[in-house]
Amino acid sequence: MGQQRSSGFKSALVVAGGLAFAWLTIEMAFKPFLDRLRDSVAKSDPGRDPDGDGEDAGETSEPSSFASPSSEEGQAGKHEK
């Protein structure tokens, strides 16, 4: 039984190593594309409509009114002081 456990562990280790190697290979192969994609995502404005079909074309929308309870408490504490 001990032999089967070590064999299973070795197989799992080989699979995990193979997945890590594959991930690194893909990251290096597509690095220029991924860098451009990450830069454009970082620069994007989620409040702007990219189509610009509506009346508000070019204007940014107001920040989202959704807030977590913890952020509301933190803001309330700032206004009290």
C-alpha atoms as a PDB file:
ATOM      1  CA  MET A   1       0.000   0.000   0.000  1.00  0.00           C
ATOM      2  CA  GLY A   2       2.851   2.403   0.704  1.00  0.00           C
ATOM      3  CA  GLN A   3       4.096   1.938  -2.837  1.00  0.00           C
ATOM      4  CA  GLN A   4       0.720   3.029  -4.274  1.00  0.00           C
ATOM      5  CA  ARG A   5       0.627   6.193  -2.175  1.00  0.00           C
ATOM      6  CA  SER A   6       4.078   7.302  -3.244  1.00  0.00           C
ATOM      7  CA  SER A   7       3.223   6.513  -6.847  1.00  0.00           C
ATOM      8  CA  GLY A   8       0.080   8.676  -6.607  1.00  0.00           C
ATOM      9  CA  PHE A   9       2.050  11.458  -4.965  1.00  0.00           C
ATOM     10  CA  LYS A  10       4.674  11.353  -7.691  1.00  0.00           C
ATOM     11  CA  SER A  11       1.992  11.473 -10.374  1.00  0.00           C
ATOM     12  CA  ALA A  12       0.332  14.464  -8.720  1.00  0.00           C
ATOM     13  CA  LEU A  13       3.684  16.199  -8.432  1.00  0.00           C
ATOM     14  CA  VAL A  14       4.444  15.596 -12.121  1.00  0.00           C
ATOM     15  CA  VAL A  15       1.011  16.934 -13.126  1.00  0.00           C
ATOM     16  CA  ALA A  16       1.410  20.049 -10.955  1.00  0.00           C
ATOM     17  CA  GLY A  17       4.895  20.654 -12.376  1.00  0.00           C
ATOM     18  CA  GLY A  18       3.606  20.214 -15.920  1.00  0.00           C
ATOM     19  CA  LEU A  19       0.798  22.702 -15.338  1.00  0.00           C
ATOM     20  CA  ALA A  20       3.213  25.249 -13.884  1.00  0.00           C
ATOM     21  CA  PHE A  21       5.574  24.792 -16.837  1.00  0.00           C
ATOM     22  CA  ALA A  22       2.696  25.158 -19.311  1.00  0.00           C
ATOM     23  CA  TRP A  23       1.498  28.352 -17.579  1.00  0.00           C
ATOM     24  CA  LEU A  24       4.971  29.892 -17.719  1.00  0.00           C
ATOM     25  CA  THR A  25       5.382  28.899 -21.359  1.00  0.00           C
ATOM     26  CA  ILE A  26       2.095  30.546 -22.318  1.00  0.00           C
ATOM     27  CA  GLU A  27       2.941  33.681 -20.313  1.00  0.00           C
ATOM     28  CA  MET A  28       6.298  34.039 -22.071  1.00  0.00           C
ATOM     29  CA  ALA A  29       4.960  33.201 -25.535  1.00  0.00           C
ATOM     30  CA  PHE A  30       2.134  35.761 -25.349  1.00  0.00           C
ATOM     31  CA  LYS A  31       3.912  38.329 -23.160  1.00  0.00           C
ATOM     32  CA  PRO A  32       3.694  41.259 -25.627  1.00  0.00           C
ATOM     33  CA  PHE A  33      -0.003  40.669 -26.240  1.00  0.00           C
ATOM     34  CA  LEU A  34      -0.787  40.183 -22.544  1.00  0.00           C
ATOM     35  CA  ASP A  35       1.133  43.346 -21.578  1.00  0.00           C
ATOM     36  CA  ARG A  36      -0.833  45.425 -24.095  1.00  0.00           C
ATOM     37  CA  LEU A  37      -4.093  43.865 -22.913  1.00  0.00           C
ATOM     38  CA  ARG A  38      -3.322  44.525 -19.243  1.00  0.00           C
ATOM     39  CA  ASP A  39      -2.315  48.129 -20.006  1.00  0.00           C
ATOM     40  CA  SER A  40      -5.514  48.803 -21.932  1.00  0.00           C
ATOM     41  CA  VAL A  41      -7.634  47.291 -19.157  1.00  0.00           C
ATOM     42  CA  ALA A  42      -5.835  49.433 -16.591  1.00  0.00           C
ATOM     43  CA  LYS A  43      -6.462  52.578 -18.670  1.00  0.00           C
ATOM     44  CA  SER A  44     -10.111  51.833 -19.426  1.00  0.00           C
ATOM     45  CA  ASP A  45     -12.912  53.872 -17.894  1.00  0.00           C
ATOM     46  CA  PRO A  46     -15.746  51.576 -16.808  1.00  0.00           C
ATOM     47  CA  GLY A  47     -18.171  54.510 -16.638  1.00  0.00           C
ATOM     48  CA  ARG A  48     -17.818  55.453 -20.314  1.00  0.00           C
ATOM     49  CA  ASP A  49     -19.935  53.848 -23.012  1.00  0.00           C
ATOM     50  CA  PRO A  50     -17.493  52.582 -25.661  1.00  0.00           C
ATOM     51  CA  ASP A  51     -20.197  52.634 -28.350  1.00  0.00           C
ATOM     52  CA  GLY A  52     -21.163  56.248 -27.729  1.00  0.00           C
ATOM     53  CA  ASP A  53     -24.672  55.675 -29.090  1.00  0.00           C
ATOM     54  CA  GLY A  54     -26.560  57.491 -26.332  1.00  0.00           C
ATOM     55  CA  GLU A  55     -27.054  61.150 -25.482  1.00  0.00           C
ATOM     56  CA  ASP A  56     -24.237  60.963 -22.953  1.00  0.00           C
ATOM     57  CA  ALA A  57     -21.593  60.083 -25.525  1.00  0.00           C
ATOM     58  CA  GLY A  58     -18.240  61.243 -24.238  1.00  0.00           C
ATOM     59  CA  GLU A  59     -19.498  61.948 -20.736  1.00  0.00           C
ATOM     60  CA  THR A  60     -18.590  59.781 -17.817  1.00  0.00           C
ATOM     61  CA  SER A  61     -21.312  58.457 -15.590  1.00  0.00           C
ATOM     62  CA  GLU A  62     -21.546  59.082 -11.891  1.00  0.00           C
ATOM     63  CA  PRO A  63     -19.729  56.646  -9.619  1.00  0.00           C
ATOM     64  CA  SER A  64     -21.697  53.589  -8.694  1.00  0.00           C
ATOM     65  CA  SER A  65     -24.101  54.059  -5.798  1.00  0.00           C
ATOM     66  CA  PHE A  66     -23.453  50.519  -4.635  1.00  0.00           C
ATOM     67  CA  ALA A  67     -21.253  50.452  -1.580  1.00  0.00           C
ATOM     68  CA  SER A  68     -20.430  47.776   0.897  1.00  0.00           C
ATOM     69  CA  PRO A  69     -21.563  48.295   4.498  1.00  0.00           C
ATOM     70  CA  SER A  70     -17.961  48.473   5.682  1.00  0.00           C
ATOM     71  CA  SER A  71     -17.149  51.333   3.289  1.00  0.00           C
ATOM     72  CA  GLU A  72     -20.238  53.251   4.439  1.00  0.00           C
ATOM     73  CA  GLU A  73     -19.174  52.923   8.064  1.00  0.00           C
ATOM     74  CA  GLY A  74     -15.692  54.141   7.212  1.00  0.00           C
ATOM     75  CA  GLN A  75     -17.091  57.183   5.393  1.00  0.00           C
ATOM     76  CA  ALA A  76     -19.494  57.944   8.226  1.00  0.00           C
ATOM     77  CA  GLY A  77     -16.588  57.923  10.664  1.00  0.00           C
ATOM     78  CA  LYS A  78     -14.672  60.418   8.534  1.00  0.00           C
ATOM     79  CA  HIS A  79     -17.557  62.893   8.466  1.00  0.00           C
ATOM     80  CA  GLU A  80     -18.116  62.754  12.226  1.00  0.00           C
ATOM     81  CA  LYS A  81     -14.552  63.774  13.099  1.00  0.00           C
END
